[in-house]
Amino acid sequence: MSNSKSNQSSVSKIEITSKEWQDQSGNTYYSAQMVINDNETIYLSERYGYGSQYLYSCLEILAEIMKMDSMSVYMLENMLNVEVIDNGAKSTSRREMRAFGRA
């Protein structure tokens, strides 16, 4: 993540999409893609979590990229004027979920 070209002043739009898969025991896993300014994609490989955990993981990475202590959708939209598009998590097969989180 440290080789990312984005910084706090250059981020104007973030689009987040996640794919999730649930195993036979009911454990949920996800991978995600975060597109910054329509030209830089950051991939999150398979992780354990459910609900909106993918969003929190993306925000943690974004805070690191923007050199901030913490991040929230509210902060992005209302304080930094960044458009946030959350496409949600789509249920899929394990293979597709894993492939989605790879560059």
Protein backbone atom coordinates (compact mmCIF):
# COMPACT_ATOMS: atom_id res chain seq x y z
CA MET A 1 0.00 0.00 0.00
CA SER A 2 2.88 2.39 0.59
CA ASN A 3 3.62 2.77 -3.13
CA SER A 4 0.22 4.40 -3.73
CA LYS A 5 0.28 7.71 -5.58
CA SER A 6 -2.75 9.16 -3.76
CA ASN A 7 -2.50 11.63 -0.93
CA GLN A 8 -4.99 13.65 1.08
CA SER A 9 -5.22 16.58 -1.33
CA SER A 10 -5.53 14.52 -4.52
CA VAL A 11 -8.38 12.17 -3.59
CA SER A 12 -11.76 13.38 -4.88
CA LYS A 13 -13.68 10.12 -5.45
CA ILE A 14 -13.57 6.60 -4.00
CA GLU A 15 -15.60 3.65 -5.27
CA ILE A 16 -15.66 0.49 -3.16
CA THR A 17 -16.97 -2.90 -4.28
CA SER A 18 -16.77 -6.17 -2.38
CA LYS A 19 -17.52 -9.83 -3.09
CA GLU A 20 -18.25 -12.25 -0.27
CA TRP A 21 -18.50 -15.98 0.15
CA GLN A 22 -19.86 -18.06 3.03
CA ASP A 23 -18.46 -21.49 3.87
CA GLN A 24 -20.49 -24.52 5.04
CA SER A 25 -19.97 -23.54 8.68
CA GLY A 26 -21.43 -20.07 8.11
CA ASN A 27 -18.14 -18.16 8.24
CA THR A 28 -18.11 -15.22 5.81
CA TYR A 29 -15.07 -14.06 3.84
CA TYR A 30 -14.70 -11.11 1.51
CA SER A 31 -12.34 -9.41 -0.90
CA ALA A 32 -12.68 -5.86 -2.18
CA GLN A 33 -11.55 -3.34 -4.74
CA MET A 34 -11.19 0.35 -3.98
CA VAL A 35 -10.93 2.64 -7.02
CA ILE A 36 -9.50 6.09 -6.31
CA ASN A 37 -10.30 8.93 -8.72
CA ASP A 38 -11.32 6.41 -11.43
CA ASN A 39 -7.68 5.58 -12.19
CA GLU A 40 -6.01 3.76 -9.29
CA THR A 41 -7.28 0.41 -7.97
CA ILE A 42 -6.32 -1.05 -4.62
CA TYR A 43 -7.12 -4.73 -4.11
CA LEU A 44 -7.94 -6.29 -0.75
CA SER A 45 -7.33 -10.03 -0.79
CA GLU A 46 -9.48 -12.58 1.03
CA ARG A 47 -10.29 -11.62 4.62
CA TYR A 48 -12.63 -12.89 7.32
CA GLY A 49 -15.60 -10.66 8.12
CA TYR A 50 -19.23 -9.96 7.40
CA GLY A 51 -21.63 -7.06 6.96
CA SER A 52 -19.82 -3.83 6.20
CA GLN A 53 -16.40 -5.03 7.42
CA TYR A 54 -15.08 -4.60 3.86
CA LEU A 55 -15.84 -0.88 4.11
CA TYR A 56 -13.95 -0.49 7.40
CA SER A 57 -10.97 -2.37 5.96
CA CYS A 58 -10.90 -0.06 2.94
CA LEU A 59 -11.11 3.01 5.18
CA GLU A 60 -8.15 1.77 7.27
CA ILE A 61 -6.05 1.41 4.13
CA LEU A 62 -7.20 4.79 2.85
CA ALA A 63 -6.26 6.46 6.15
CA GLU A 64 -2.76 4.98 5.80
CA ILE A 65 -2.48 6.21 2.21
CA MET A 66 -3.69 9.70 3.13
CA LYS A 67 -1.43 9.75 6.21
CA MET A 68 -4.29 10.22 8.65
CA ASP A 69 -4.85 8.58 12.04
CA SER A 70 -8.37 7.46 11.26
CA MET A 71 -11.00 7.66 8.56
CA SER A 72 -14.78 7.52 8.24
CA VAL A 73 -17.25 7.94 5.41
CA TYR A 74 -18.57 11.04 7.19
CA MET A 75 -15.08 12.56 7.34
CA LEU A 76 -14.45 11.84 3.68
CA GLU A 77 -17.73 13.27 2.44
CA ASN A 78 -18.26 16.22 4.78
CA MET A 79 -14.79 17.37 5.81
CA LEU A 80 -12.61 16.42 2.84
CA ASN A 81 -15.25 16.73 0.09
CA VAL A 82 -14.55 13.25 -1.26
CA GLU A 83 -17.34 11.44 -3.12
CA VAL A 84 -17.76 7.93 -1.67
CA ILE A 85 -19.56 5.27 -3.71
CA ASP A 86 -20.23 2.06 -1.77
CA ASN A 87 -21.42 -0.63 -4.17
CA GLY A 88 -21.93 -3.05 -1.29
CA ALA A 89 -21.00 -6.70 -1.06
CA LYS A 90 -22.21 -9.20 -3.62
CA SER A 91 -22.47 -12.90 -2.71
CA THR A 92 -20.47 -15.10 -5.04
CA SER A 93 -18.45 -18.32 -5.28
CA ARG A 94 -15.22 -18.78 -3.35
CA ARG A 95 -13.18 -18.80 -6.56
CA GLU A 96 -14.70 -15.56 -7.84
CA MET A 97 -14.33 -13.88 -4.43
CA ARG A 98 -10.64 -14.78 -4.28
CA ALA A 99 -9.97 -13.66 -7.85
CA PHE A 100 -11.71 -10.33 -7.24
CA GLY A 101 -9.21 -9.39 -4.54
CA ARG A 102 -6.12 -9.97 -6.69
CA ALA A 103 -4.39 -7.51 -8.95
